[in-house]
């Protein structure tokens, strides 16, 4: 399988090109095109940063496997289903495994890009809310990912198999065109899960079509895919969703404060009582 995931170097280069195009569009008096290019460049810059963080850490990578083992053990203690058993139920069916690998590699970024483009073009008044949610959620996830945690596929002793490597579909591993791809020790939290839930919520809240509920299939499929491919634990996804809820809370609080400030400005008396009497007289 050809690696369809952009490296942080290529994503960063495209982001710079898009921002340059946005600047040129402003000079050419094309504000709509400029805004579109700028937003696309910002999203790609975020993606590049996410890829880059995989190569950085604030702690040693020596214990990344130990942290993954601890997560797996903790899940079993609290009674969560064993991801290894889910994977074993799918591995006898090569077609399903290959489809899961493709979905993991391609749909994560493609669906989010499509949702953002749709909101930007069709529902511009809601775009800032969706974009800001993506930025806050991704930024917090990146901060957590500075602590390296291995994915379950690196724990063969626990029954996990790296099915993407087995079928030659891994988005990790070797370089593509001499450029190093994303590191593999940033499994906690799962940005895949955060983004798929975010995309579904955005479509359901913004759209008025009865078909909008079909978008729920995306997070359902994504969660199943990240588990059966052994790229994430349940807790990786749970923490990611909690971070997403935190982003929503921050945006709601910010909107409430802006609304309160606007109301206070609107109803604040202008001038002193004497000044108002003079104005009336």
C-alpha atoms as a PDB file:
ATOM      1  CA  UNK A   1       0.000   0.000   0.000  1.00  0.00           C
ATOM      2  CA  UNK A   2       1.310   3.431  -0.870  1.00  0.00           C
ATOM      3  CA  UNK A   3       1.606   5.636   2.184  1.00  0.00           C
ATOM      4  CA  UNK A   4      -1.193   8.166   1.806  1.00  0.00           C
ATOM      5  CA  UNK A   5      -0.427  10.028   5.018  1.00  0.00           C
ATOM      6  CA  UNK A   6       1.336  13.360   4.619  1.00  0.00           C
ATOM      7  CA  UNK A   7       4.590  13.732   6.518  1.00  0.00           C
ATOM      8  CA  UNK A   8       4.996  16.788   8.733  1.00  0.00           C
ATOM      9  CA  UNK A   9       7.549  18.150   6.249  1.00  0.00           C
ATOM     10  CA  UNK A  10       5.240  17.846   3.236  1.00  0.00           C
ATOM     11  CA  UNK A  11       2.175  19.058   5.177  1.00  0.00           C
ATOM     12  CA  UNK A  12       4.151  22.052   6.433  1.00  0.00           C
ATOM     13  CA  UNK A  13       5.378  22.893   2.941  1.00  0.00           C
ATOM     14  CA  UNK A  14       1.852  22.739   1.513  1.00  0.00           C
ATOM     15  CA  UNK A  15       0.597  24.890   4.425  1.00  0.00           C
ATOM     16  CA  UNK A  16       3.187  27.561   3.630  1.00  0.00           C
ATOM     17  CA  UNK A  17       2.185  27.433  -0.042  1.00  0.00           C
ATOM     18  CA  UNK A  18      -1.495  27.830   0.822  1.00  0.00           C
ATOM     19  CA  UNK A  19      -0.822  30.834   3.055  1.00  0.00           C
ATOM     20  CA  UNK A  20       1.274  32.370   0.277  1.00  0.00           C
ATOM     21  CA  UNK A  21      -1.635  31.804  -2.087  1.00  0.00           C
ATOM     22  CA  UNK A  22      -3.976  33.446   0.418  1.00  0.00           C
ATOM     23  CA  UNK A  23      -1.718  36.516   0.513  1.00  0.00           C
ATOM     24  CA  UNK A  24      -1.646  36.647  -3.298  1.00  0.00           C
ATOM     25  CA  UNK A  25      -5.443  36.357  -3.410  1.00  0.00           C
ATOM     26  CA  UNK A  26      -5.744  39.352  -1.072  1.00  0.00           C
ATOM     27  CA  UNK A  27      -3.542  41.347  -3.400  1.00  0.00           C
ATOM     28  CA  UNK A  28      -5.716  40.205  -6.292  1.00  0.00           C
ATOM     29  CA  UNK A  29      -8.825  41.373  -4.429  1.00  0.00           C
ATOM     30  CA  UNK A  30     -10.289  37.890  -4.050  1.00  0.00           C
ATOM     31  CA  UNK A  31     -11.215  37.800  -0.340  1.00  0.00           C
ATOM     32  CA  UNK A  32     -13.295  34.599  -0.536  1.00  0.00           C
ATOM     33  CA  UNK A  33     -10.465  32.639  -2.157  1.00  0.00           C
ATOM     34  CA  UNK A  34      -7.976  34.136   0.279  1.00  0.00           C
ATOM     35  CA  UNK A  35     -10.050  33.053   3.275  1.00  0.00           C
ATOM     36  CA  UNK A  36     -10.411  29.512   1.913  1.00  0.00           C
ATOM     37  CA  UNK A  37      -6.679  29.132   1.237  1.00  0.00           C
ATOM     38  CA  UNK A  38      -5.793  30.583   4.639  1.00  0.00           C
ATOM     39  CA  UNK A  39      -8.071  28.191   6.517  1.00  0.00           C
ATOM     40  CA  UNK A  40      -6.814  25.186   4.532  1.00  0.00           C
ATOM     41  CA  UNK A  41      -3.240  26.250   5.267  1.00  0.00           C
ATOM     42  CA  UNK A  42      -4.008  26.564   8.971  1.00  0.00           C
ATOM     43  CA  UNK A  43      -5.500  23.050   9.082  1.00  0.00           C
ATOM     44  CA  UNK A  44      -2.482  21.569   7.311  1.00  0.00           C
ATOM     45  CA  UNK A  45      -0.162  23.422   9.670  1.00  0.00           C
ATOM     46  CA  UNK A  46      -2.007  21.803  12.602  1.00  0.00           C
ATOM     47  CA  UNK A  47      -1.649  18.418  10.936  1.00  0.00           C
ATOM     48  CA  UNK A  48       2.074  19.008  10.421  1.00  0.00           C
ATOM     49  CA  UNK A  49       2.468  19.965  14.077  1.00  0.00           C
ATOM     50  CA  UNK A  50       0.640  16.783  15.128  1.00  0.00           C
ATOM     51  CA  UNK A  51       3.005  14.701  12.999  1.00  0.00           C
ATOM     52  CA  UNK A  52       6.050  16.541  14.339  1.00  0.00           C
ATOM     53  CA  UNK A  53       5.089  16.016  17.976  1.00  0.00           C
ATOM     54  CA  UNK A  54       5.457  12.287  17.357  1.00  0.00           C
ATOM     55  CA  UNK A  55       9.204  12.881  17.137  1.00  0.00           C
ATOM     56  CA  UNK A  56       9.394  14.929  20.324  1.00  0.00           C
ATOM     57  CA  UNK A  57       8.825  14.142  23.973  1.00  0.00           C
ATOM     58  CA  UNK A  58       9.346  15.642  27.395  1.00  0.00           C
ATOM     59  CA  UNK A  59      10.064  12.213  28.868  1.00  0.00           C
ATOM     60  CA  UNK A  60      12.231   9.292  27.871  1.00  0.00           C
ATOM     61  CA  UNK A  61      10.813   6.890  25.297  1.00  0.00           C
ATOM     62  CA  UNK A  62      12.295   3.988  27.264  1.00  0.00           C
ATOM     63  CA  UNK A  63       9.080   3.465  29.246  1.00  0.00           C
ATOM     64  CA  UNK A  64       6.576   3.948  26.397  1.00  0.00           C
ATOM     65  CA  UNK A  65       5.912   0.205  26.303  1.00  0.00           C
ATOM     66  CA  UNK A  66       5.532   0.098  30.082  1.00  0.00           C
ATOM     67  CA  UNK A  67       2.911   2.844  29.938  1.00  0.00           C
ATOM     68  CA  UNK A  68       1.031   0.945  27.225  1.00  0.00           C
ATOM     69  CA  UNK A  69       1.103  -2.227  29.326  1.00  0.00           C
ATOM     70  CA  UNK A  70      -0.175  -0.273  32.327  1.00  0.00           C
ATOM     71  CA  UNK A  71      -3.083   1.115  30.260  1.00  0.00           C
ATOM     72  CA  UNK A  72      -3.995  -2.374  29.034  1.00  0.00           C
ATOM     73  CA  UNK A  73      -3.846  -3.786  32.570  1.00  0.00           C
ATOM     74  CA  UNK A  74      -5.921  -0.902  33.968  1.00  0.00           C
ATOM     75  CA  UNK A  75      -8.607  -1.430  31.339  1.00  0.00           C
ATOM     76  CA  UNK A  76      -8.881  -5.089  32.307  1.00  0.00           C
ATOM     77  CA  UNK A  77      -9.106  -4.194  35.999  1.00  0.00           C
ATOM     78  CA  UNK A  78     -12.011  -1.791  35.410  1.00  0.00           C
ATOM     79  CA  UNK A  79     -13.766  -4.294  33.132  1.00  0.00           C
ATOM     80  CA  UNK A  80     -13.333  -2.802  29.661  1.00  0.00           C
ATOM     81  CA  UNK A  81     -13.373  -5.304  26.760  1.00  0.00           C
ATOM     82  CA  UNK A  82      -9.983  -6.658  25.769  1.00  0.00           C
ATOM     83  CA  UNK A  83      -8.951  -5.046  22.468  1.00  0.00           C
ATOM     84  CA  UNK A  84      -6.911  -8.149  21.580  1.00  0.00           C
ATOM     85  CA  UNK A  85     -10.083 -10.263  21.516  1.00  0.00           C
ATOM     86  CA  UNK A  86     -11.753  -7.751  19.167  1.00  0.00           C
ATOM     87  CA  UNK A  87      -8.764  -7.933  16.861  1.00  0.00           C
ATOM     88  CA  UNK A  88      -8.752 -11.755  16.907  1.00  0.00           C
ATOM     89  CA  UNK A  89     -12.390 -11.728  15.784  1.00  0.00           C
ATOM     90  CA  UNK A  90     -11.445  -9.805  12.623  1.00  0.00           C
ATOM     91  CA  UNK A  91      -8.024 -11.181  11.655  1.00  0.00           C
ATOM     92  CA  UNK A  92      -9.478 -14.333   9.997  1.00  0.00           C
ATOM     93  CA  UNK A  93     -11.011 -12.037   7.360  1.00  0.00           C
ATOM     94  CA  UNK A  94      -8.198 -10.406   5.310  1.00  0.00           C
ATOM     95  CA  UNK A  95     -10.583  -8.176   3.355  1.00  0.00           C
ATOM     96  CA  UNK A  96     -11.926  -6.596   6.559  1.00  0.00           C
ATOM     97  CA  UNK A  97      -8.409  -6.132   7.888  1.00  0.00           C
ATOM     98  CA  UNK A  98      -7.248  -4.408   4.704  1.00  0.00           C
ATOM     99  CA  UNK A  99     -10.322  -2.142   4.691  1.00  0.00           C
ATOM    100  CA  UNK A 100      -9.694  -1.242   8.324  1.00  0.00           C
ATOM    101  CA  UNK A 101      -6.075  -0.338   7.533  1.00  0.00           C
ATOM    102  CA  UNK A 102      -7.183   1.871   4.631  1.00  0.00           C
ATOM    103  CA  UNK A 103      -9.842   3.559   6.749  1.00  0.00           C
ATOM    104  CA  UNK A 104      -7.290   4.317   9.472  1.00  0.00           C
ATOM    105  CA  UNK A 105      -4.789   5.732   6.974  1.00  0.00           C
ATOM    106  CA  UNK A 106      -7.109   7.812   4.803  1.00  0.00           C
ATOM    107  CA  UNK A 107     -10.398   8.780   6.425  1.00  0.00           C
ATOM    108  CA  UNK A 108      -8.999  10.501   9.528  1.00  0.00           C
ATOM    109  CA  UNK A 109      -7.782  13.574   7.672  1.00  0.00           C
ATOM    110  CA  UNK A 110     -10.035  13.327   4.594  1.00  0.00           C
ATOM    111  CA  UNK A 111     -13.313  13.456   6.533  1.00  0.00           C
ATOM    112  CA  UNK A 112     -12.203  16.337   8.752  1.00  0.00           C
ATOM    113  CA  UNK A 113     -11.008  18.311   5.726  1.00  0.00           C
ATOM    114  CA  UNK A 114     -14.300  17.625   3.945  1.00  0.00           C
ATOM    115  CA  UNK A 115     -16.388  18.717   6.940  1.00  0.00           C
ATOM    116  CA  UNK A 116     -14.414  21.931   7.393  1.00  0.00           C
ATOM    117  CA  UNK A 117     -14.677  22.739   3.680  1.00  0.00           C
ATOM    118  CA  UNK A 118     -18.445  22.085   3.721  1.00  0.00           C
ATOM    119  CA  UNK A 119     -19.016  24.290   6.777  1.00  0.00           C
ATOM    120  CA  UNK A 120     -16.812  27.035   5.338  1.00  0.00           C
ATOM    121  CA  UNK A 121     -18.621  27.099   1.980  1.00  0.00           C
ATOM    122  CA  UNK A 122     -22.219  26.391   3.064  1.00  0.00           C
ATOM    123  CA  UNK A 123     -22.435  27.576   6.681  1.00  0.00           C
ATOM    124  CA  UNK A 124     -19.795  30.284   7.071  1.00  0.00           C
ATOM    125  CA  UNK A 125     -21.412  31.693  10.231  1.00  0.00           C
ATOM    126  CA  UNK A 126     -20.736  28.390  12.054  1.00  0.00           C
ATOM    127  CA  UNK A 127     -17.228  27.880  10.698  1.00  0.00           C
ATOM    128  CA  UNK A 128     -15.365  29.695  13.480  1.00  0.00           C
ATOM    129  CA  UNK A 129     -16.989  27.455  16.104  1.00  0.00           C
ATOM    130  CA  UNK A 130     -15.942  24.275  14.281  1.00  0.00           C
ATOM    131  CA  UNK A 131     -12.445  25.536  13.457  1.00  0.00           C
ATOM    132  CA  UNK A 132     -11.777  26.725  17.004  1.00  0.00           C
ATOM    133  CA  UNK A 133     -12.921  23.372  18.384  1.00  0.00           C
ATOM    134  CA  UNK A 134     -10.442  21.611  16.103  1.00  0.00           C
ATOM    135  CA  UNK A 135      -7.633  23.930  17.179  1.00  0.00           C
ATOM    136  CA  UNK A 136      -8.249  23.649  20.930  1.00  0.00           C
ATOM    137  CA  UNK A 137      -8.812  19.890  20.872  1.00  0.00           C
ATOM    138  CA  UNK A 138      -5.756  19.187  18.754  1.00  0.00           C
ATOM    139  CA  UNK A 139      -3.542  21.508  20.794  1.00  0.00           C
ATOM    140  CA  UNK A 140      -4.438  19.817  24.090  1.00  0.00           C
ATOM    141  CA  UNK A 141      -3.991  16.371  22.548  1.00  0.00           C
ATOM    142  CA  UNK A 142      -0.551  17.410  21.328  1.00  0.00           C
ATOM    143  CA  UNK A 143       0.447  18.534  24.817  1.00  0.00           C
ATOM    144  CA  UNK A 144      -0.520  15.139  26.251  1.00  0.00           C
ATOM    145  CA  UNK A 145       1.312  13.338  23.448  1.00  0.00           C
ATOM    146  CA  UNK A 146       4.619  14.804  24.573  1.00  0.00           C
ATOM    147  CA  UNK A 147       4.569  11.887  27.021  1.00  0.00           C
ATOM    148  CA  UNK A 148       5.363   8.879  24.779  1.00  0.00           C
ATOM    149  CA  UNK A 149       2.947   5.943  24.947  1.00  0.00           C
ATOM    150  CA  UNK A 150       3.196   2.925  22.663  1.00  0.00           C
ATOM    151  CA  UNK A 151       0.152   1.659  20.740  1.00  0.00           C
ATOM    152  CA  UNK A 152      -1.199  -1.812  21.538  1.00  0.00           C
ATOM    153  CA  UNK A 153       0.220  -3.286  18.304  1.00  0.00           C
ATOM    154  CA  UNK A 154       3.651  -3.001  19.960  1.00  0.00           C
ATOM    155  CA  UNK A 155       2.584  -5.454  22.667  1.00  0.00           C
ATOM    156  CA  UNK A 156       2.666  -8.888  20.966  1.00  0.00           C
ATOM    157  CA  UNK A 157       3.034 -10.542  24.370  1.00  0.00           C
ATOM    158  CA  UNK A 158      -0.479  -9.271  25.172  1.00  0.00           C
ATOM    159  CA  UNK A 159      -1.917 -10.881  22.058  1.00  0.00           C
ATOM    160  CA  UNK A 160      -1.838  -7.891  19.701  1.00  0.00           C
ATOM    161  CA  UNK A 161      -0.758  -8.038  16.057  1.00  0.00           C
ATOM    162  CA  UNK A 162       0.479  -5.175  13.882  1.00  0.00           C
ATOM    163  CA  UNK A 163      -1.922  -5.970  11.040  1.00  0.00           C
ATOM    164  CA  UNK A 164      -0.944  -2.892   9.020  1.00  0.00           C
ATOM    165  CA  UNK A 165       2.685  -4.033   8.895  1.00  0.00           C
ATOM    166  CA  UNK A 166       1.554  -7.599   8.257  1.00  0.00           C
ATOM    167  CA  UNK A 167      -0.340  -6.531   5.113  1.00  0.00           C
ATOM    168  CA  UNK A 168       2.186  -3.922   4.005  1.00  0.00           C
ATOM    169  CA  UNK A 169      -0.240  -1.079   4.759  1.00  0.00           C
ATOM    170  CA  UNK A 170       1.496   0.650   7.652  1.00  0.00           C
ATOM    171  CA  UNK A 171       1.521   4.457   7.679  1.00  0.00           C
ATOM    172  CA  UNK A 172       4.485   4.254  10.033  1.00  0.00           C
ATOM    173  CA  UNK A 173       7.768   2.447   9.711  1.00  0.00           C
ATOM    174  CA  UNK A 174      10.148   3.401   6.939  1.00  0.00           C
ATOM    175  CA  UNK A 175      10.606   6.699   5.160  1.00  0.00           C
ATOM    176  CA  UNK A 176       8.689   7.758   2.064  1.00  0.00           C
ATOM    177  CA  UNK A 177      10.915   9.375  -0.520  1.00  0.00           C
ATOM    178  CA  UNK A 178      13.644   9.705   2.105  1.00  0.00           C
ATOM    179  CA  UNK A 179      11.383  11.644   4.472  1.00  0.00           C
ATOM    180  CA  UNK A 180      10.661  10.233   7.931  1.00  0.00           C
ATOM    181  CA  UNK A 181       6.979   9.615   8.684  1.00  0.00           C
ATOM    182  CA  UNK A 182       5.189  10.122  11.974  1.00  0.00           C
ATOM    183  CA  UNK A 183       6.573   8.489  15.094  1.00  0.00           C
ATOM    184  CA  UNK A 184       4.678   5.640  16.678  1.00  0.00           C
ATOM    185  CA  UNK A 185       4.771   6.576  20.361  1.00  0.00           C
ATOM    186  CA  UNK A 186       1.953   9.157  20.479  1.00  0.00           C
ATOM    187  CA  UNK A 187      -0.993   6.805  20.971  1.00  0.00           C
ATOM    188  CA  UNK A 188      -2.424   8.631  24.023  1.00  0.00           C
ATOM    189  CA  UNK A 189      -4.792  10.347  23.424  1.00  0.00           C
ATOM    190  CA  UNK A 190      -6.249   9.276  20.087  1.00  0.00           C
ATOM    191  CA  UNK A 191      -6.522  12.263  17.754  1.00  0.00           C
ATOM    192  CA  UNK A 192      -8.303   9.896  15.347  1.00  0.00           C
ATOM    193  CA  UNK A 193     -11.130   9.468  17.857  1.00  0.00           C
ATOM    194  CA  UNK A 194     -11.223  13.148  18.840  1.00  0.00           C
ATOM    195  CA  UNK A 195     -11.498  14.293  15.227  1.00  0.00           C
ATOM    196  CA  UNK A 196     -14.114  11.723  14.172  1.00  0.00           C
ATOM    197  CA  UNK A 197     -16.431  12.630  17.071  1.00  0.00           C
ATOM    198  CA  UNK A 198     -15.832  16.332  16.414  1.00  0.00           C
ATOM    199  CA  UNK A 199     -16.696  15.927  12.722  1.00  0.00           C
ATOM    200  CA  UNK A 200     -19.903  14.052  13.527  1.00  0.00           C
ATOM    201  CA  UNK A 201     -21.021  16.612  16.117  1.00  0.00           C
ATOM    202  CA  UNK A 202     -20.303  19.456  13.682  1.00  0.00           C
ATOM    203  CA  UNK A 203     -22.406  17.922  10.901  1.00  0.00           C
ATOM    204  CA  UNK A 204     -25.291  17.036  13.216  1.00  0.00           C
ATOM    205  CA  UNK A 205     -25.395  20.502  14.808  1.00  0.00           C
ATOM    206  CA  UNK A 206     -24.886  22.539  11.646  1.00  0.00           C
ATOM    207  CA  UNK A 207     -26.914  20.598   9.087  1.00  0.00           C
ATOM    208  CA  UNK A 208     -30.706  20.533   9.028  1.00  0.00           C
ATOM    209  CA  UNK A 209     -30.962  17.512   6.742  1.00  0.00           C
ATOM    210  CA  UNK A 210     -32.494  14.324   8.111  1.00  0.00           C
ATOM    211  CA  UNK A 211     -29.502  12.501   6.589  1.00  0.00           C
ATOM    212  CA  UNK A 212     -27.090  14.229   8.965  1.00  0.00           C
ATOM    213  CA  UNK A 213     -27.413  11.360  11.454  1.00  0.00           C
ATOM    214  CA  UNK A 214     -25.649   9.078   8.971  1.00  0.00           C
ATOM    215  CA  UNK A 215     -22.484  10.890  10.072  1.00  0.00           C
ATOM    216  CA  UNK A 216     -22.649   8.946  13.359  1.00  0.00           C
ATOM    217  CA  UNK A 217     -21.301   5.989  11.379  1.00  0.00           C
ATOM    218  CA  UNK A 218     -17.929   7.723  11.048  1.00  0.00           C
ATOM    219  CA  UNK A 219     -17.022   7.723  14.767  1.00  0.00           C
ATOM    220  CA  UNK A 220     -18.487   4.230  15.158  1.00  0.00           C
ATOM    221  CA  UNK A 221     -16.333   2.909  12.312  1.00  0.00           C
ATOM    222  CA  UNK A 222     -13.272   4.854  13.430  1.00  0.00           C
ATOM    223  CA  UNK A 223     -13.410   3.545  16.994  1.00  0.00           C
ATOM    224  CA  UNK A 224     -13.820  -0.008  15.687  1.00  0.00           C
ATOM    225  CA  UNK A 225     -10.957   0.487  13.229  1.00  0.00           C
ATOM    226  CA  UNK A 226      -8.444   1.916  15.713  1.00  0.00           C
ATOM    227  CA  UNK A 227      -9.171  -1.016  18.034  1.00  0.00           C
ATOM    228  CA  UNK A 228      -9.029  -3.890  15.525  1.00  0.00           C
ATOM    229  CA  UNK A 229      -5.871  -2.467  13.937  1.00  0.00           C
ATOM    230  CA  UNK A 230      -4.370  -2.235  17.446  1.00  0.00           C
ATOM    231  CA  UNK A 231      -3.439   1.405  16.990  1.00  0.00           C
ATOM    232  CA  UNK A 232      -5.246   2.590  20.133  1.00  0.00           C
ATOM    233  CA  UNK A 233      -6.630   1.408  23.445  1.00  0.00           C
ATOM    234  CA  UNK A 234     -10.134   2.262  24.633  1.00  0.00           C
ATOM    235  CA  UNK A 235      -8.626   4.725  27.114  1.00  0.00           C
ATOM    236  CA  UNK A 236      -6.848   6.570  24.288  1.00  0.00           C
ATOM    237  CA  UNK A 237     -10.251   7.332  22.788  1.00  0.00           C
ATOM    238  CA  UNK A 238     -11.947   8.066  26.118  1.00  0.00           C
ATOM    239  CA  UNK A 239      -9.310  10.654  27.038  1.00  0.00           C
ATOM    240  CA  UNK A 240      -9.585  12.193  23.560  1.00  0.00           C
ATOM    241  CA  UNK A 241     -13.363  12.618  23.909  1.00  0.00           C
ATOM    242  CA  UNK A 242     -12.923  14.181  27.350  1.00  0.00           C
ATOM    243  CA  UNK A 243     -10.508  16.685  25.805  1.00  0.00           C
ATOM    244  CA  UNK A 244     -13.088  17.424  23.103  1.00  0.00           C
ATOM    245  CA  UNK A 245     -15.725  18.106  25.774  1.00  0.00           C
ATOM    246  CA  UNK A 246     -13.230  20.432  27.472  1.00  0.00           C
ATOM    247  CA  UNK A 247     -12.863  22.349  24.192  1.00  0.00           C
ATOM    248  CA  UNK A 248     -16.648  22.685  23.903  1.00  0.00           C
ATOM    249  CA  UNK A 249     -16.831  23.946  27.502  1.00  0.00           C
ATOM    250  CA  UNK A 250     -14.110  26.538  26.857  1.00  0.00           C
ATOM    251  CA  UNK A 251     -15.879  27.808  23.735  1.00  0.00           C
ATOM    252  CA  UNK A 252     -19.276  27.910  25.479  1.00  0.00           C
ATOM    253  CA  UNK A 253     -17.832  29.861  28.414  1.00  0.00           C
ATOM    254  CA  UNK A 254     -16.083  32.255  26.044  1.00  0.00           C
ATOM    255  CA  UNK A 255     -19.299  32.825  24.076  1.00  0.00           C
ATOM    256  CA  UNK A 256     -21.245  33.439  27.288  1.00  0.00           C
ATOM    257  CA  UNK A 257     -18.736  36.018  28.470  1.00  0.00           C
ATOM    258  CA  UNK A 258     -18.770  37.770  25.110  1.00  0.00           C
ATOM    259  CA  UNK A 259     -22.570  37.852  25.208  1.00  0.00           C
ATOM    260  CA  UNK A 260     -22.578  39.264  28.740  1.00  0.00           C
ATOM    261  CA  UNK A 261     -20.024  41.937  27.827  1.00  0.00           C
ATOM    262  CA  UNK A 262     -22.058  42.878  24.749  1.00  0.00           C
ATOM    263  CA  UNK A 263     -25.243  43.186  26.814  1.00  0.00           C
ATOM    264  CA  UNK A 264     -23.515  45.332  29.431  1.00  0.00           C
ATOM    265  CA  UNK A 265     -22.182  47.630  26.735  1.00  0.00           C
ATOM    266  CA  UNK A 266     -25.590  47.931  25.104  1.00  0.00           C
ATOM    267  CA  UNK A 267     -27.492  48.806  28.287  1.00  0.00           C
ATOM    268  CA  UNK A 268     -24.829  50.862  30.075  1.00  0.00           C
ATOM    269  CA  UNK A 269     -26.087  54.475  30.645  1.00  0.00           C
ATOM    270  CA  UNK A 270     -24.166  57.002  28.630  1.00  0.00           C
ATOM    271  CA  UNK A 271     -22.802  59.894  30.690  1.00  0.00           C
ATOM    272  CA  UNK A 272     -23.888  61.129  34.120  1.00  0.00           C
ATOM    273  CA  UNK A 273     -27.488  61.993  35.103  1.00  0.00           C
ATOM    274  CA  UNK A 274     -26.689  65.700  34.764  1.00  0.00           C
ATOM    275  CA  UNK A 275     -25.261  65.232  31.320  1.00  0.00           C
ATOM    276  CA  UNK A 276     -28.355  63.336  30.218  1.00  0.00           C
ATOM    277  CA  UNK A 277     -30.644  66.120  31.563  1.00  0.00           C
ATOM    278  CA  UNK A 278     -28.618  68.679  29.663  1.00  0.00           C
ATOM    279  CA  UNK A 279     -28.936  66.577  26.502  1.00  0.00           C
ATOM    280  CA  UNK A 280     -32.724  66.400  26.995  1.00  0.00           C
ATOM    281  CA  UNK A 281     -32.945  70.133  27.622  1.00  0.00           C
END
